[in-house]
Amino acid sequence: MIWLRDLIDDPDRGVPPIGTFMKIPAVETVEIVKLAGFDFIVLDAEHALLSLADLNRMILVARAIGLAPVVRVADHGYGDAQRILDAGAAGLFFPHVSDRAECERVVRQASHPPRGTRGAGGGMRAGDWGMAGRGKASYLADGAGKVMRIPMIEERVAVGNADEILAVDGVDGVFIGPGDLSMTMGLKRTDPEVAGAVEDVLKKAKAARVPVGTVAADAGGARRLIGEGYDFILVSNDTGMLAATAMALIDEIRG
């Protein structure tokens, strides 16, 4: 399968990898975004009603068709992260990471010893079901070198603590969430102070040489973010794209 880390590290791509959030619990939407040309997906277990069984099926299909499946987990709990990684996720987004202590905790639970506390599940999909030809060493190597652990900076306090979050051993990328950030700042998303906070985190991530991503609402926004130097970009989501197309179609019919 294609891994998000491989896409980010590919110097010949020309443009950063483009993904989208997935909220609809259906494998068909996974196929559609792959055929449309997206590089990766983020299955949204924080906001959408995606069960572990849904995530398992969608991860399986994404891997089979060469689409990197990342999961935004619901919280900082250990159990779901463990099972999602063993199901074969290419990475995890951890929402609302506000400081070094929170970042260290989520990174540790998504990392095998000695770095962390993730258990050995080589008999699951991530370990090719423990079949001959892939031993424990390969399973552990993939867990260390391919899975991305990505804290989300989406609170005012997290912006102030960005340097210490970025310095945590095992952080493989960082994602700036401007929507929640603007709410915690009590400002509109378009406010210059919000833009300044986002730019501050981007600069700090670049200085720390940590891949940094964020979200765009549309193609124009994505092109602007590419120009600003982001390493990976999420554009819209499956429900949003469906809604926009449906509304445009009806508006055109009704004049």
C-alpha atoms as a PDB file:
ATOM      1  CA  MET A   1       0.000   0.000   0.000  1.00  0.00           C
ATOM      2  CA  ILE A   2       0.980   3.661  -0.232  1.00  0.00           C
ATOM      3  CA  TRP A   3       1.986   5.300   3.048  1.00  0.00           C
ATOM      4  CA  LEU A   4       1.460   8.962   3.810  1.00  0.00           C
ATOM      5  CA  ARG A   5       5.083   9.201   4.943  1.00  0.00           C
ATOM      6  CA  ASP A   6       6.238   7.928   1.539  1.00  0.00           C
ATOM      7  CA  LEU A   7       4.129  10.567  -0.226  1.00  0.00           C
ATOM      8  CA  ILE A   8       5.487  13.399   1.909  1.00  0.00           C
ATOM      9  CA  ASP A   9       9.079  12.236   1.455  1.00  0.00           C
ATOM     10  CA  ASP A  10       8.801  11.861  -2.350  1.00  0.00           C
ATOM     11  CA  PRO A  11      10.884  14.681  -3.875  1.00  0.00           C
ATOM     12  CA  ASP A  12       9.547  14.056  -7.396  1.00  0.00           C
ATOM     13  CA  ARG A  13       5.870  14.670  -6.663  1.00  0.00           C
ATOM     14  CA  GLY A  14       5.960  18.380  -7.410  1.00  0.00           C
ATOM     15  CA  VAL A  15       2.947  19.053  -5.186  1.00  0.00           C
ATOM     16  CA  PRO A  16       2.266  17.930  -1.618  1.00  0.00           C
ATOM     17  CA  PRO A  17      -0.068  14.969  -1.053  1.00  0.00           C
ATOM     18  CA  ILE A  18      -3.756  15.902  -1.122  1.00  0.00           C
ATOM     19  CA  GLY A  19      -6.307  14.167   1.077  1.00  0.00           C
ATOM     20  CA  THR A  20      -9.854  14.574   2.303  1.00  0.00           C
ATOM     21  CA  PHE A  21     -11.820  13.762   5.433  1.00  0.00           C
ATOM     22  CA  MET A  22     -14.175  10.780   5.169  1.00  0.00           C
ATOM     23  CA  LYS A  23     -17.354  10.802   7.262  1.00  0.00           C
ATOM     24  CA  ILE A  24     -19.685   8.443   5.388  1.00  0.00           C
ATOM     25  CA  PRO A  25     -19.353   4.800   6.563  1.00  0.00           C
ATOM     26  CA  ALA A  26     -19.104   3.289   3.078  1.00  0.00           C
ATOM     27  CA  VAL A  27     -16.312   1.652   1.100  1.00  0.00           C
ATOM     28  CA  GLU A  28     -17.728   3.103  -2.119  1.00  0.00           C
ATOM     29  CA  THR A  29     -16.704   6.612  -1.100  1.00  0.00           C
ATOM     30  CA  VAL A  30     -13.173   5.355  -0.477  1.00  0.00           C
ATOM     31  CA  GLU A  31     -13.062   3.981  -4.038  1.00  0.00           C
ATOM     32  CA  ILE A  32     -14.484   7.200  -5.485  1.00  0.00           C
ATOM     33  CA  VAL A  33     -11.920   9.534  -3.921  1.00  0.00           C
ATOM     34  CA  LYS A  34      -9.109   7.232  -5.025  1.00  0.00           C
ATOM     35  CA  LEU A  35     -10.389   7.226  -8.597  1.00  0.00           C
ATOM     36  CA  ALA A  36     -10.738  11.019  -8.407  1.00  0.00           C
ATOM     37  CA  GLY A  37      -7.009  11.249  -7.663  1.00  0.00           C
ATOM     38  CA  PHE A  38      -6.723  11.899  -3.930  1.00  0.00           C
ATOM     39  CA  ASP A  39      -3.508  10.625  -2.341  1.00  0.00           C
ATOM     40  CA  PHE A  40      -4.768   9.821   1.149  1.00  0.00           C
ATOM     41  CA  ILE A  41      -7.849   9.925   3.339  1.00  0.00           C
ATOM     42  CA  VAL A  42      -8.487  10.770   6.976  1.00  0.00           C
ATOM     43  CA  LEU A  43     -11.296   8.661   8.386  1.00  0.00           C
ATOM     44  CA  ASP A  44     -13.035  10.954  10.859  1.00  0.00           C
ATOM     45  CA  ALA A  45     -13.777   8.951  13.991  1.00  0.00           C
ATOM     46  CA  GLU A  46     -13.879  12.129  16.075  1.00  0.00           C
ATOM     47  CA  HIS A  47     -16.936  13.761  14.533  1.00  0.00           C
ATOM     48  CA  ALA A  48     -18.522  11.150  12.266  1.00  0.00           C
ATOM     49  CA  LEU A  49     -20.407   8.039  13.376  1.00  0.00           C
ATOM     50  CA  LEU A  50     -17.732   5.640  12.161  1.00  0.00           C
ATOM     51  CA  SER A  51     -17.563   2.480  14.246  1.00  0.00           C
ATOM     52  CA  LEU A  52     -14.447   0.355  14.617  1.00  0.00           C
ATOM     53  CA  ALA A  53     -16.039  -2.109  12.190  1.00  0.00           C
ATOM     54  CA  ASP A  54     -16.536   0.719   9.660  1.00  0.00           C
ATOM     55  CA  LEU A  55     -12.933   1.825  10.083  1.00  0.00           C
ATOM     56  CA  ASN A  56     -11.714  -1.738   9.635  1.00  0.00           C
ATOM     57  CA  ARG A  57     -13.532  -2.135   6.289  1.00  0.00           C
ATOM     58  CA  MET A  58     -12.528   1.281   4.996  1.00  0.00           C
ATOM     59  CA  ILE A  59      -8.881   0.786   5.961  1.00  0.00           C
ATOM     60  CA  LEU A  60      -8.889  -2.592   4.199  1.00  0.00           C
ATOM     61  CA  VAL A  61     -10.285  -1.153   0.969  1.00  0.00           C
ATOM     62  CA  ALA A  62      -7.973   1.873   1.044  1.00  0.00           C
ATOM     63  CA  ARG A  63      -4.904  -0.330   1.475  1.00  0.00           C
ATOM     64  CA  ALA A  64      -6.053  -2.649  -1.311  1.00  0.00           C
ATOM     65  CA  ILE A  65      -6.391   0.187  -3.835  1.00  0.00           C
ATOM     66  CA  GLY A  66      -3.224   2.069  -2.863  1.00  0.00           C
ATOM     67  CA  LEU A  67      -4.757   4.905  -0.864  1.00  0.00           C
ATOM     68  CA  ALA A  68      -3.083   5.819   2.441  1.00  0.00           C
ATOM     69  CA  PRO A  69      -5.693   5.501   5.247  1.00  0.00           C
ATOM     70  CA  VAL A  70      -5.169   7.790   8.229  1.00  0.00           C
ATOM     71  CA  VAL A  71      -7.644   7.912  11.130  1.00  0.00           C
ATOM     72  CA  ARG A  72      -8.577  10.894  13.270  1.00  0.00           C
ATOM     73  CA  VAL A  73      -9.304   9.184  16.573  1.00  0.00           C
ATOM     74  CA  ALA A  74     -12.075  10.360  18.889  1.00  0.00           C
ATOM     75  CA  ASP A  75      -9.905  11.142  21.904  1.00  0.00           C
ATOM     76  CA  HIS A  76      -6.634  10.314  23.652  1.00  0.00           C
ATOM     77  CA  GLY A  77      -7.673   6.852  24.843  1.00  0.00           C
ATOM     78  CA  TYR A  78      -5.423   3.844  24.324  1.00  0.00           C
ATOM     79  CA  GLY A  79      -7.795   1.104  23.178  1.00  0.00           C
ATOM     80  CA  ASP A  80      -9.077   2.471  19.889  1.00  0.00           C
ATOM     81  CA  ALA A  81      -5.642   3.681  18.762  1.00  0.00           C
ATOM     82  CA  GLN A  82      -4.188   0.217  19.374  1.00  0.00           C
ATOM     83  CA  ARG A  83      -6.826  -1.579  17.328  1.00  0.00           C
ATOM     84  CA  ILE A  84      -6.873   1.005  14.540  1.00  0.00           C
ATOM     85  CA  LEU A  85      -3.111   0.719  14.051  1.00  0.00           C
ATOM     86  CA  ASP A  86      -3.276  -3.078  14.047  1.00  0.00           C
ATOM     87  CA  ALA A  87      -6.062  -2.819  11.448  1.00  0.00           C
ATOM     88  CA  GLY A  88      -3.443  -1.247   9.182  1.00  0.00           C
ATOM     89  CA  ALA A  89      -3.881   2.519   9.433  1.00  0.00           C
ATOM     90  CA  ALA A  90      -1.060   4.552   7.910  1.00  0.00           C
ATOM     91  CA  GLY A  91      -1.255   7.088  10.710  1.00  0.00           C
ATOM     92  CA  LEU A  92      -3.308   8.716  13.435  1.00  0.00           C
ATOM     93  CA  PHE A  93      -4.519  12.270  13.932  1.00  0.00           C
ATOM     94  CA  PHE A  94      -4.831  13.072  17.648  1.00  0.00           C
ATOM     95  CA  PRO A  95      -7.303  15.930  18.222  1.00  0.00           C
ATOM     96  CA  HIS A  96      -6.847  18.751  20.722  1.00  0.00           C
ATOM     97  CA  VAL A  97      -3.257  18.153  21.787  1.00  0.00           C
ATOM     98  CA  SER A  98      -2.544  21.204  23.898  1.00  0.00           C
ATOM     99  CA  ASP A  99       0.872  20.673  25.486  1.00  0.00           C
ATOM    100  CA  ARG A 100       3.970  18.479  25.741  1.00  0.00           C
ATOM    101  CA  ALA A 101       2.481  16.089  28.312  1.00  0.00           C
ATOM    102  CA  GLU A 102      -0.572  15.315  26.171  1.00  0.00           C
ATOM    103  CA  CYS A 103       1.587  14.919  23.093  1.00  0.00           C
ATOM    104  CA  GLU A 104       4.001  12.560  24.824  1.00  0.00           C
ATOM    105  CA  ARG A 105       1.095  10.438  26.070  1.00  0.00           C
ATOM    106  CA  VAL A 106      -0.564   9.936  22.673  1.00  0.00           C
ATOM    107  CA  VAL A 107       2.725   9.366  20.867  1.00  0.00           C
ATOM    108  CA  ARG A 108       3.767   6.745  23.416  1.00  0.00           C
ATOM    109  CA  GLN A 109       0.531   4.789  23.136  1.00  0.00           C
ATOM    110  CA  ALA A 110       0.941   4.704  19.350  1.00  0.00           C
ATOM    111  CA  SER A 111       4.562   3.516  19.527  1.00  0.00           C
ATOM    112  CA  HIS A 112       6.021   0.119  20.378  1.00  0.00           C
ATOM    113  CA  PRO A 113       8.574  -0.222  23.204  1.00  0.00           C
ATOM    114  CA  PRO A 114      11.086   1.087  24.011  1.00  0.00           C
ATOM    115  CA  ARG A 115       9.664   4.400  22.736  1.00  0.00           C
ATOM    116  CA  GLY A 116       6.108   3.692  23.845  1.00  0.00           C
ATOM    117  CA  THR A 117       3.513   1.286  25.190  1.00  0.00           C
ATOM    118  CA  ARG A 118       1.823  -0.087  22.055  1.00  0.00           C
ATOM    119  CA  GLY A 119       1.414  -3.831  22.386  1.00  0.00           C
ATOM    120  CA  ALA A 120       2.400  -6.524  19.894  1.00  0.00           C
ATOM    121  CA  GLY A 121      -0.421  -7.342  17.475  1.00  0.00           C
ATOM    122  CA  GLY A 122       1.517  -8.995  14.667  1.00  0.00           C
ATOM    123  CA  GLY A 123      -1.308 -11.452  14.139  1.00  0.00           C
ATOM    124  CA  MET A 124      -3.499  -8.644  12.780  1.00  0.00           C
ATOM    125  CA  ARG A 125      -3.582  -6.930   9.360  1.00  0.00           C
ATOM    126  CA  ALA A 126      -0.657  -4.640  10.175  1.00  0.00           C
ATOM    127  CA  GLY A 127       1.438  -7.775  10.614  1.00  0.00           C
ATOM    128  CA  ASP A 128      -0.019  -9.598   7.588  1.00  0.00           C
ATOM    129  CA  TRP A 129      -1.950 -11.829  10.013  1.00  0.00           C
ATOM    130  CA  GLY A 130       1.288 -13.339  11.267  1.00  0.00           C
ATOM    131  CA  MET A 131       1.773 -15.301   8.038  1.00  0.00           C
ATOM    132  CA  ALA A 132       5.093 -16.833   7.054  1.00  0.00           C
ATOM    133  CA  GLY A 133       7.537 -14.457   5.425  1.00  0.00           C
ATOM    134  CA  ARG A 134       6.843 -11.545   7.745  1.00  0.00           C
ATOM    135  CA  GLY A 135       8.121 -11.884  11.253  1.00  0.00           C
ATOM    136  CA  LYS A 136       7.765  -9.763  14.356  1.00  0.00           C
ATOM    137  CA  ALA A 137      10.745  -7.669  13.310  1.00  0.00           C
ATOM    138  CA  SER A 138       8.952  -6.507  10.132  1.00  0.00           C
ATOM    139  CA  TYR A 139       5.785  -5.680  12.070  1.00  0.00           C
ATOM    140  CA  LEU A 140       7.749  -3.625  14.582  1.00  0.00           C
ATOM    141  CA  ALA A 141       9.780  -1.935  11.837  1.00  0.00           C
ATOM    142  CA  ASP A 142       6.606  -0.847  10.030  1.00  0.00           C
ATOM    143  CA  GLY A 143       5.171   0.450  13.293  1.00  0.00           C
ATOM    144  CA  ALA A 144       8.254   2.582  13.845  1.00  0.00           C
ATOM    145  CA  GLY A 145       9.079   3.689  10.319  1.00  0.00           C
ATOM    146  CA  LYS A 146       5.795   3.944   8.440  1.00  0.00           C
ATOM    147  CA  VAL A 147       3.003   4.891  10.831  1.00  0.00           C
ATOM    148  CA  MET A 148       2.628   8.662  11.301  1.00  0.00           C
ATOM    149  CA  ARG A 149       1.675  10.105  14.687  1.00  0.00           C
ATOM    150  CA  ILE A 150       0.174  13.528  14.104  1.00  0.00           C
ATOM    151  CA  PRO A 151      -0.992  15.797  16.936  1.00  0.00           C
ATOM    152  CA  MET A 152      -3.571  18.411  15.986  1.00  0.00           C
ATOM    153  CA  ILE A 153      -2.912  21.965  17.096  1.00  0.00           C
ATOM    154  CA  GLU A 154      -6.354  23.525  17.271  1.00  0.00           C
ATOM    155  CA  GLU A 155      -6.512  25.527  20.493  1.00  0.00           C
ATOM    156  CA  ARG A 156      -5.069  28.901  21.512  1.00  0.00           C
ATOM    157  CA  VAL A 157      -3.007  27.285  24.272  1.00  0.00           C
ATOM    158  CA  ALA A 158      -1.565  24.762  21.801  1.00  0.00           C
ATOM    159  CA  VAL A 159      -0.257  27.575  19.600  1.00  0.00           C
ATOM    160  CA  GLY A 160       1.682  28.912  22.570  1.00  0.00           C
ATOM    161  CA  ASN A 161       3.002  25.422  23.287  1.00  0.00           C
ATOM    162  CA  ALA A 162       3.770  24.553  19.658  1.00  0.00           C
ATOM    163  CA  ASP A 163       7.546  24.456  20.125  1.00  0.00           C
ATOM    164  CA  GLU A 164       7.353  21.877  22.913  1.00  0.00           C
ATOM    165  CA  ILE A 165       4.770  19.785  21.024  1.00  0.00           C
ATOM    166  CA  LEU A 166       6.953  19.740  17.914  1.00  0.00           C
ATOM    167  CA  ALA A 167       9.981  18.712  19.994  1.00  0.00           C
ATOM    168  CA  VAL A 168       8.377  15.524  21.330  1.00  0.00           C
ATOM    169  CA  ASP A 169      10.258  12.424  20.213  1.00  0.00           C
ATOM    170  CA  GLY A 170       8.058  10.398  17.861  1.00  0.00           C
ATOM    171  CA  VAL A 171       5.989  13.244  16.421  1.00  0.00           C
ATOM    172  CA  ASP A 172       5.945  12.546  12.680  1.00  0.00           C
ATOM    173  CA  GLY A 173       3.859  15.510  11.598  1.00  0.00           C
ATOM    174  CA  VAL A 174       1.548  18.181  12.916  1.00  0.00           C
ATOM    175  CA  PHE A 175      -1.858  19.324  11.693  1.00  0.00           C
ATOM    176  CA  ILE A 176      -3.213  22.831  12.209  1.00  0.00           C
ATOM    177  CA  GLY A 177      -6.999  22.939  12.696  1.00  0.00           C
ATOM    178  CA  PRO A 178      -8.050  26.535  11.975  1.00  0.00           C
ATOM    179  CA  GLY A 179     -11.757  25.967  12.647  1.00  0.00           C
ATOM    180  CA  ASP A 180     -11.479  24.889  16.270  1.00  0.00           C
ATOM    181  CA  LEU A 181      -8.560  27.268  16.770  1.00  0.00           C
ATOM    182  CA  SER A 182     -10.681  30.258  15.791  1.00  0.00           C
ATOM    183  CA  MET A 183     -13.435  29.159  18.196  1.00  0.00           C
ATOM    184  CA  THR A 184     -11.028  28.875  21.124  1.00  0.00           C
ATOM    185  CA  MET A 185      -9.740  32.347  20.250  1.00  0.00           C
ATOM    186  CA  GLY A 186     -13.287  33.695  20.148  1.00  0.00           C
ATOM    187  CA  LEU A 187     -12.745  35.035  16.644  1.00  0.00           C
ATOM    188  CA  LYS A 188     -13.940  34.395  13.110  1.00  0.00           C
ATOM    189  CA  ARG A 189     -11.818  32.009  11.091  1.00  0.00           C
ATOM    190  CA  THR A 190     -10.930  34.853   8.706  1.00  0.00           C
ATOM    191  CA  ASP A 191      -9.690  37.131  11.480  1.00  0.00           C
ATOM    192  CA  PRO A 192      -6.076  38.310  11.005  1.00  0.00           C
ATOM    193  CA  GLU A 193      -5.198  37.162  14.528  1.00  0.00           C
ATOM    194  CA  VAL A 194      -6.234  33.604  13.656  1.00  0.00           C
ATOM    195  CA  ALA A 195      -4.219  33.775  10.442  1.00  0.00           C
ATOM    196  CA  GLY A 196      -1.247  34.993  12.445  1.00  0.00           C
ATOM    197  CA  ALA A 197      -1.512  32.101  14.900  1.00  0.00           C
ATOM    198  CA  VAL A 198      -1.673  29.601  12.036  1.00  0.00           C
ATOM    199  CA  GLU A 199       1.335  31.176  10.347  1.00  0.00           C
ATOM    200  CA  ASP A 200       3.243  31.079  13.633  1.00  0.00           C
ATOM    201  CA  VAL A 201       2.745  27.301  13.942  1.00  0.00           C
ATOM    202  CA  LEU A 202       3.661  26.788  10.286  1.00  0.00           C
ATOM    203  CA  LYS A 203       6.947  28.651  10.760  1.00  0.00           C
ATOM    204  CA  LYS A 204       7.760  26.722  13.934  1.00  0.00           C
ATOM    205  CA  ALA A 205       7.056  23.385  12.233  1.00  0.00           C
ATOM    206  CA  LYS A 206       9.279  24.325   9.318  1.00  0.00           C
ATOM    207  CA  ALA A 207      12.055  25.354  11.691  1.00  0.00           C
ATOM    208  CA  ALA A 208      11.704  22.038  13.549  1.00  0.00           C
ATOM    209  CA  ARG A 209      11.642  20.136  10.223  1.00  0.00           C
ATOM    210  CA  VAL A 210       8.354  18.483  11.138  1.00  0.00           C
ATOM    211  CA  PRO A 211       5.884  17.935   8.252  1.00  0.00           C
ATOM    212  CA  VAL A 212       2.916  20.261   8.670  1.00  0.00           C
ATOM    213  CA  GLY A 213      -0.566  20.064   7.195  1.00  0.00           C
ATOM    214  CA  THR A 214      -3.866  21.884   7.360  1.00  0.00           C
ATOM    215  CA  VAL A 215      -7.259  21.982   5.666  1.00  0.00           C
ATOM    216  CA  ALA A 216      -8.658  23.913   2.709  1.00  0.00           C
ATOM    217  CA  ALA A 217     -12.306  24.390   1.837  1.00  0.00           C
ATOM    218  CA  ASP A 218     -11.796  24.330  -1.914  1.00  0.00           C
ATOM    219  CA  ALA A 219      -9.292  24.125  -4.772  1.00  0.00           C
ATOM    220  CA  GLY A 220      -8.370  27.798  -4.579  1.00  0.00           C
ATOM    221  CA  GLY A 221      -7.595  27.493  -0.908  1.00  0.00           C
ATOM    222  CA  ALA A 222      -5.538  24.370  -1.524  1.00  0.00           C
ATOM    223  CA  ARG A 223      -3.453  26.110  -4.194  1.00  0.00           C
ATOM    224  CA  ARG A 224      -2.798  28.977  -1.792  1.00  0.00           C
ATOM    225  CA  LEU A 225      -1.643  26.553   0.911  1.00  0.00           C
ATOM    226  CA  ILE A 226       0.645  24.783  -1.548  1.00  0.00           C
ATOM    227  CA  GLY A 227       2.253  28.136  -2.241  1.00  0.00           C
ATOM    228  CA  GLU A 228       2.715  28.727   1.486  1.00  0.00           C
ATOM    229  CA  GLY A 229       4.747  25.534   1.805  1.00  0.00           C
ATOM    230  CA  TYR A 230       2.482  23.055   3.577  1.00  0.00           C
ATOM    231  CA  ASP A 231       3.670  19.446   3.388  1.00  0.00           C
ATOM    232  CA  PHE A 232       0.229  17.828   3.159  1.00  0.00           C
ATOM    233  CA  ILE A 233      -3.244  19.277   2.670  1.00  0.00           C
ATOM    234  CA  LEU A 234      -6.772  18.100   3.322  1.00  0.00           C
ATOM    235  CA  VAL A 235      -9.487  19.499   1.074  1.00  0.00           C
ATOM    236  CA  SER A 236     -13.116  19.444   2.214  1.00  0.00           C
ATOM    237  CA  ASN A 237     -14.740  16.081   3.084  1.00  0.00           C
ATOM    238  CA  ASP A 238     -16.975  13.506   1.436  1.00  0.00           C
ATOM    239  CA  THR A 239     -20.230  14.900   2.858  1.00  0.00           C
ATOM    240  CA  GLY A 240     -19.257  18.444   1.931  1.00  0.00           C
ATOM    241  CA  MET A 241     -18.393  17.513  -1.650  1.00  0.00           C
ATOM    242  CA  LEU A 242     -21.648  15.581  -2.020  1.00  0.00           C
ATOM    243  CA  ALA A 243     -23.662  18.460  -0.565  1.00  0.00           C
ATOM    244  CA  ALA A 244     -21.990  21.065  -2.781  1.00  0.00           C
ATOM    245  CA  THR A 245     -22.532  19.023  -5.937  1.00  0.00           C
ATOM    246  CA  ALA A 246     -26.147  18.254  -5.029  1.00  0.00           C
ATOM    247  CA  MET A 247     -26.961  21.899  -4.331  1.00  0.00           C
ATOM    248  CA  ALA A 248     -25.244  23.089  -7.513  1.00  0.00           C
ATOM    249  CA  LEU A 249     -27.193  20.556  -9.564  1.00  0.00           C
ATOM    250  CA  ILE A 250     -30.561  21.569  -8.134  1.00  0.00           C
ATOM    251  CA  ASP A 251     -29.772  25.270  -8.426  1.00  0.00           C
ATOM    252  CA  GLU A 252     -28.868  24.798 -12.088  1.00  0.00           C
ATOM    253  CA  ILE A 253     -32.068  22.853 -12.815  1.00  0.00           C
ATOM    254  CA  ARG A 254     -34.303  25.383 -11.068  1.00  0.00           C
ATOM    255  CA  GLY A 255     -32.534  28.363 -12.549  1.00  0.00           C
END
